[in-house]
């Protein structure tokens, strides 16, 4: 994977993690009904993806 693609996917995953973290931290609203999206697990998965891409970025930069 190229450097530009790695940075683009990393930025998208970071934005997704921040968005899911924001949505998951909001208090529940019983009048609207149950939440249908598992925001916290999505945040953890996207943050794990960011960590994998950071490691991949390190290998790209170091040349190994």
N, C-alpha and C. Protein backbone atom coordinates (compact mmCIF):
# COMPACT_ATOMS: atom_id res chain seq x y z
N UNK A 1 0.85 -1.16 0.00
CA UNK A 1 0.00 0.00 0.00
C UNK A 1 0.90 1.23 0.00
N UNK A 2 0.55 2.23 -0.77
CA UNK A 2 1.38 3.42 -0.88
C UNK A 2 1.21 4.33 0.34
N UNK A 3 2.11 5.27 0.45
CA UNK A 3 2.08 6.20 1.58
C UNK A 3 0.82 7.07 1.56
N UNK A 4 0.44 7.55 0.38
CA UNK A 4 -0.73 8.41 0.28
C UNK A 4 -2.01 7.66 0.64
N UNK A 5 -2.11 6.42 0.19
CA UNK A 5 -3.30 5.63 0.50
C UNK A 5 -3.35 5.31 2.00
N UNK A 6 -2.20 5.01 2.58
CA UNK A 6 -2.16 4.74 4.02
C UNK A 6 -2.58 5.96 4.82
N UNK A 7 -2.11 7.13 4.44
CA UNK A 7 -2.50 8.35 5.15
C UNK A 7 -3.98 8.68 4.97
N UNK A 8 -4.50 8.44 3.78
CA UNK A 8 -5.91 8.73 3.52
C UNK A 8 -6.82 7.80 4.33
N UNK A 9 -6.50 6.51 4.32
CA UNK A 9 -7.31 5.56 5.09
C UNK A 9 -7.16 5.83 6.58
N UNK A 10 -5.96 6.18 7.02
CA UNK A 10 -5.75 6.51 8.43
C UNK A 10 -6.55 7.73 8.86
N UNK A 11 -6.59 8.74 8.01
CA UNK A 11 -7.37 9.94 8.34
C UNK A 11 -8.86 9.62 8.39
N UNK A 12 -9.33 8.79 7.47
CA UNK A 12 -10.74 8.41 7.47
C UNK A 12 -11.10 7.59 8.71
N UNK A 13 -10.23 6.66 9.08
CA UNK A 13 -10.50 5.86 10.28
C UNK A 13 -10.43 6.70 11.55
N UNK A 14 -9.51 7.66 11.58
CA UNK A 14 -9.43 8.54 12.74
C UNK A 14 -10.69 9.40 12.86
N UNK A 15 -11.17 9.91 11.74
CA UNK A 15 -12.41 10.70 11.76
C UNK A 15 -13.59 9.84 12.20
N UNK A 16 -13.62 8.59 11.73
CA UNK A 16 -14.69 7.68 12.14
C UNK A 16 -14.62 7.38 13.63
N UNK A 17 -13.41 7.17 14.15
CA UNK A 17 -13.25 6.90 15.57
C UNK A 17 -13.70 8.10 16.41
N UNK A 18 -13.35 9.30 15.99
CA UNK A 18 -13.77 10.49 16.72
C UNK A 18 -15.28 10.68 16.67
N UNK A 19 -15.87 10.45 15.50
CA UNK A 19 -17.31 10.58 15.37
C UNK A 19 -18.05 9.56 16.23
N UNK A 20 -17.58 8.30 16.18
CA UNK A 20 -18.23 7.25 16.97
C UNK A 20 -18.05 7.50 18.47
N UNK A 21 -16.90 8.03 18.86
CA UNK A 21 -16.69 8.38 20.26
C UNK A 21 -17.62 9.48 20.71
N UNK A 22 -17.85 10.45 19.85
CA UNK A 22 -18.76 11.54 20.19
C UNK A 22 -20.20 11.03 20.30
N UNK A 23 -20.61 10.19 19.33
CA UNK A 23 -21.98 9.67 19.37
C UNK A 23 -22.19 8.70 20.53
N UNK A 24 -21.17 7.93 20.87
CA UNK A 24 -21.29 6.97 21.95
C UNK A 24 -21.31 7.61 23.33
N UNK A 25 -20.78 8.82 23.43
CA UNK A 25 -20.73 9.49 24.74
C UNK A 25 -21.98 10.31 25.03
N UNK A 26 -22.85 10.45 24.06
CA UNK A 26 -24.07 11.22 24.30
C UNK A 26 -25.01 10.44 25.22
N UNK A 27 -25.73 11.14 26.08
CA UNK A 27 -26.65 10.43 26.99
C UNK A 27 -27.82 9.82 26.21
N UNK A 28 -28.34 8.70 26.70
CA UNK A 28 -29.46 8.06 25.99
C UNK A 28 -30.72 8.90 26.08
N UNK A 29 -31.52 8.83 25.05
CA UNK A 29 -32.79 9.55 24.99
C UNK A 29 -33.92 8.52 24.85
N UNK A 30 -34.58 8.17 25.95
CA UNK A 30 -35.62 7.13 25.88
C UNK A 30 -36.80 7.50 25.00
N UNK A 31 -37.05 8.79 24.80
CA UNK A 31 -38.18 9.20 23.97
C UNK A 31 -37.95 8.88 22.49
N UNK A 32 -36.69 8.87 22.06
CA UNK A 32 -36.37 8.55 20.67
C UNK A 32 -36.30 7.05 20.44
N UNK A 33 -36.17 6.27 21.49
CA UNK A 33 -36.07 4.83 21.36
C UNK A 33 -34.65 4.35 21.57
N UNK A 34 -34.45 3.08 21.36
CA UNK A 34 -33.13 2.47 21.58
C UNK A 34 -32.16 2.88 20.46
N UNK A 35 -30.89 2.91 20.81
CA UNK A 35 -29.87 3.18 19.80
C UNK A 35 -29.70 1.93 18.94
N UNK A 36 -29.65 2.13 17.65
CA UNK A 36 -29.53 1.01 16.74
C UNK A 36 -28.10 0.78 16.28
N UNK A 37 -27.20 1.70 16.58
CA UNK A 37 -25.80 1.57 16.18
C UNK A 37 -24.95 1.36 17.42
N UNK A 38 -24.08 0.36 17.42
CA UNK A 38 -23.18 0.15 18.57
C UNK A 38 -21.98 1.08 18.45
N UNK A 39 -22.12 2.31 18.91
CA UNK A 39 -21.10 3.33 18.68
C UNK A 39 -19.77 3.02 19.35
N UNK A 40 -19.80 2.50 20.56
CA UNK A 40 -18.54 2.25 21.27
C UNK A 40 -17.73 1.12 20.63
N UNK A 41 -18.34 -0.02 20.27
CA UNK A 41 -17.53 -1.03 19.56
C UNK A 41 -17.01 -0.54 18.20
N UNK A 42 -17.79 0.26 17.50
CA UNK A 42 -17.30 0.83 16.24
C UNK A 42 -16.12 1.75 16.47
N UNK A 43 -16.15 2.51 17.57
CA UNK A 43 -15.03 3.39 17.90
C UNK A 43 -13.77 2.57 18.19
N UNK A 44 -13.92 1.49 18.94
CA UNK A 44 -12.77 0.65 19.28
C UNK A 44 -12.19 -0.01 18.02
N UNK A 45 -13.05 -0.50 17.14
CA UNK A 45 -12.57 -1.13 15.91
C UNK A 45 -11.85 -0.14 14.99
N UNK A 46 -12.39 1.05 14.86
CA UNK A 46 -11.73 2.02 14.00
C UNK A 46 -10.44 2.53 14.62
N UNK A 47 -10.38 2.64 15.95
CA UNK A 47 -9.13 3.03 16.61
C UNK A 47 -8.08 1.93 16.46
N UNK A 48 -8.50 0.67 16.49
CA UNK A 48 -7.56 -0.44 16.27
C UNK A 48 -7.03 -0.39 14.83
N UNK A 49 -7.89 -0.04 13.90
CA UNK A 49 -7.44 0.12 12.51
C UNK A 49 -6.43 1.24 12.36
N UNK A 50 -6.64 2.33 13.09
CA UNK A 50 -5.67 3.43 13.07
C UNK A 50 -4.33 2.96 13.62
N UNK A 51 -4.35 2.17 14.68
CA UNK A 51 -3.10 1.67 15.25
C UNK A 51 -2.36 0.76 14.25
N UNK A 52 -3.09 -0.08 13.55
CA UNK A 52 -2.46 -0.94 12.54
C UNK A 52 -1.84 -0.10 11.44
N UNK A 53 -2.54 0.95 11.02
CA UNK A 53 -2.00 1.81 9.96
C UNK A 53 -0.82 2.63 10.44
N UNK A 54 -0.77 2.98 11.72
CA UNK A 54 0.41 3.68 12.25
C UNK A 54 1.62 2.76 12.19
N UNK A 55 1.44 1.49 12.53
CA UNK A 55 2.54 0.53 12.45
C UNK A 55 2.96 0.35 10.98
N UNK A 56 1.99 0.28 10.09
CA UNK A 56 2.30 0.16 8.66
C UNK A 56 3.02 1.40 8.17
N UNK A 57 2.63 2.56 8.65
CA UNK A 57 3.29 3.81 8.26
C UNK A 57 4.74 3.81 8.74
N UNK A 58 4.98 3.28 9.92
CA UNK A 58 6.35 3.18 10.42
C UNK A 58 7.22 2.29 9.56
N UNK A 59 6.65 1.20 9.05
CA UNK A 59 7.43 0.33 8.17
C UNK A 59 7.66 0.99 6.81
N UNK A 60 6.71 1.78 6.35
CA UNK A 60 6.90 2.47 5.09
C UNK A 60 8.00 3.53 5.19
N UNK A 61 8.00 4.26 6.31
CA UNK A 61 8.97 5.33 6.49
C UNK A 61 10.37 4.78 6.73
N UNK A 62 10.47 3.71 7.52
CA UNK A 62 11.79 3.15 7.84
C UNK A 62 12.39 2.37 6.68
N UNK A 63 11.57 1.89 5.77
CA UNK A 63 12.08 1.16 4.62
C UNK A 63 12.31 -0.31 4.88
N UNK A 64 11.85 -0.83 5.97
CA UNK A 64 12.04 -2.25 6.27
C UNK A 64 10.78 -3.02 6.00
